[in-house]
Amino acid sequence: MEQEFHITEIKDLPEDDVARLDFRWVIKRGKITDFAINVNLLENEKSADVYRVDTKHEYLHEQKFWISPKPKALDMDYNVAFVEKKKEVFENYERWIKLFKEARKRGEI
């Protein structure tokens, strides 16, 4: 039997920015079989993708949208990846949003 879980956290940031952190994962037989972690910048009633790591499209990959919209493949166990990337998101989402906004301001996005 599979169990699916979702957590969304809304974070107020400097400069009146708001971040949305979304975590979704599926557990089967005590192991993560599918997951997605997203960081979005919420502004003007719209959402901009800043960071994503997920297992869609048959493989684990991450995207740092201030660098490139192309996914980078990751070779990690899904359980390890989910724990590590969740920790990375909480440690870095504010900096990532700042980098995203700077890249957008320079016209790179």
Protein backbone atom coordinates (compact mmCIF):
# COMPACT_ATOMS: atom_id res chain seq x y z
CA MET A 1 0.00 0.00 0.00
CA GLU A 2 1.25 3.45 -0.94
CA GLN A 3 0.85 6.52 1.21
CA GLU A 4 1.16 10.02 -0.19
CA PHE A 5 2.06 13.06 1.90
CA HIS A 6 2.06 16.81 1.20
CA ILE A 7 3.42 19.75 3.17
CA THR A 8 3.36 23.39 2.07
CA GLU A 9 5.07 26.17 3.97
CA ILE A 10 4.68 29.86 3.24
CA LYS A 11 7.63 32.04 4.25
CA ASP A 12 7.70 35.84 4.45
CA LEU A 13 10.98 37.27 3.18
CA PRO A 14 12.63 40.70 3.12
CA GLU A 15 11.44 43.18 0.48
CA ASP A 16 7.85 41.90 0.93
CA ASP A 17 8.67 38.71 -0.95
CA VAL A 18 6.87 35.47 -0.16
CA ALA A 19 8.25 31.99 -0.74
CA ARG A 20 6.23 28.81 -1.03
CA LEU A 21 7.98 25.56 -0.18
CA ASP A 22 6.13 22.45 -1.35
CA PHE A 23 7.04 18.90 -0.38
CA ARG A 24 5.26 15.82 -1.74
CA TRP A 25 6.36 12.24 -1.29
CA VAL A 26 5.02 8.72 -1.70
CA ILE A 27 6.05 5.87 0.59
CA LYS A 28 5.64 2.20 -0.26
CA ARG A 29 6.97 -0.56 1.99
CA GLY A 30 8.87 1.96 4.09
CA LYS A 31 10.72 3.56 1.16
CA ILE A 32 10.17 6.72 -0.83
CA THR A 33 9.15 5.73 -4.34
CA ASP A 34 8.30 9.18 -5.71
CA PHE A 35 8.79 12.77 -4.54
CA ALA A 36 8.82 16.42 -5.54
CA ILE A 37 10.21 19.45 -3.73
CA ASN A 38 9.48 22.92 -5.12
CA VAL A 39 10.49 26.44 -4.14
CA ASN A 40 8.40 29.23 -5.65
CA LEU A 41 8.43 32.99 -5.42
CA LEU A 42 4.90 34.34 -4.96
CA GLU A 43 4.39 37.82 -6.34
CA ASN A 44 1.55 39.77 -7.92
CA GLU A 45 -0.81 36.79 -7.54
CA LYS A 46 1.55 34.66 -9.64
CA SER A 47 4.05 31.94 -8.87
CA ALA A 48 7.58 31.78 -10.33
CA ASP A 49 9.55 28.52 -10.21
CA VAL A 50 12.87 29.01 -8.42
CA TYR A 51 13.97 25.45 -7.57
CA ARG A 52 12.68 21.94 -8.12
CA VAL A 53 13.88 18.43 -7.44
CA ASP A 54 11.68 15.49 -8.34
CA THR A 55 11.41 11.96 -9.64
CA LYS A 56 9.09 12.66 -12.57
CA HIS A 57 10.01 11.63 -16.09
CA GLU A 58 11.43 8.31 -14.83
CA TYR A 59 14.54 9.74 -13.14
CA LEU A 60 15.69 11.91 -10.23
CA HIS A 61 16.65 15.42 -11.29
CA GLU A 62 16.85 18.99 -10.04
CA GLN A 63 16.43 22.39 -11.61
CA LYS A 64 17.82 25.68 -10.38
CA PHE A 65 15.85 28.05 -12.58
CA TRP A 66 18.17 31.05 -12.01
CA ILE A 67 20.92 28.95 -13.64
CA SER A 68 19.03 26.99 -16.30
CA PRO A 69 15.56 25.57 -16.93
CA LYS A 70 17.19 22.29 -18.00
CA PRO A 71 17.08 19.50 -15.42
CA LYS A 72 20.30 18.07 -14.01
CA ALA A 73 20.18 14.31 -13.38
CA LEU A 74 21.05 13.12 -9.88
CA ASP A 75 22.30 9.63 -9.03
CA MET A 76 21.06 9.15 -5.47
CA ASP A 77 18.81 6.83 -3.51
CA TYR A 78 15.36 8.47 -3.29
CA ASN A 79 15.26 8.28 0.53
CA VAL A 80 18.69 9.91 0.84
CA ALA A 81 17.88 12.48 -1.84
CA PHE A 82 14.61 13.54 -0.22
CA VAL A 83 16.20 14.05 3.21
CA GLU A 84 19.26 15.87 1.83
CA LYS A 85 17.36 18.08 -0.60
CA LYS A 86 14.70 18.98 1.97
CA LYS A 87 17.46 20.11 4.34
CA GLU A 88 19.15 22.01 1.49
CA VAL A 89 15.89 23.81 0.69
CA PHE A 90 15.39 25.01 4.26
CA GLU A 91 19.00 26.17 4.45
CA ASN A 92 19.07 27.96 1.07
CA TYR A 93 15.63 29.04 -0.17
CA GLU A 94 16.11 32.69 0.80
CA ARG A 95 19.45 32.89 -1.03
CA TRP A 96 18.03 31.06 -4.06
CA ILE A 97 15.16 33.52 -4.35
CA LYS A 98 17.61 36.40 -4.17
CA LEU A 99 19.75 34.80 -6.92
CA PHE A 100 16.63 34.16 -9.01
CA LYS A 101 15.50 37.79 -8.72
CA GLU A 102 18.97 39.06 -9.57
CA ALA A 103 19.16 36.83 -12.68
CA ARG A 104 15.70 37.99 -13.76
CA LYS A 105 16.69 41.64 -13.27
CA ARG A 106 19.73 41.08 -15.50
CA GLY A 107 17.42 39.59 -18.14
CA GLU A 108 18.88 36.09 -17.87
CA ILE A 109 15.51 34.51 -17.14
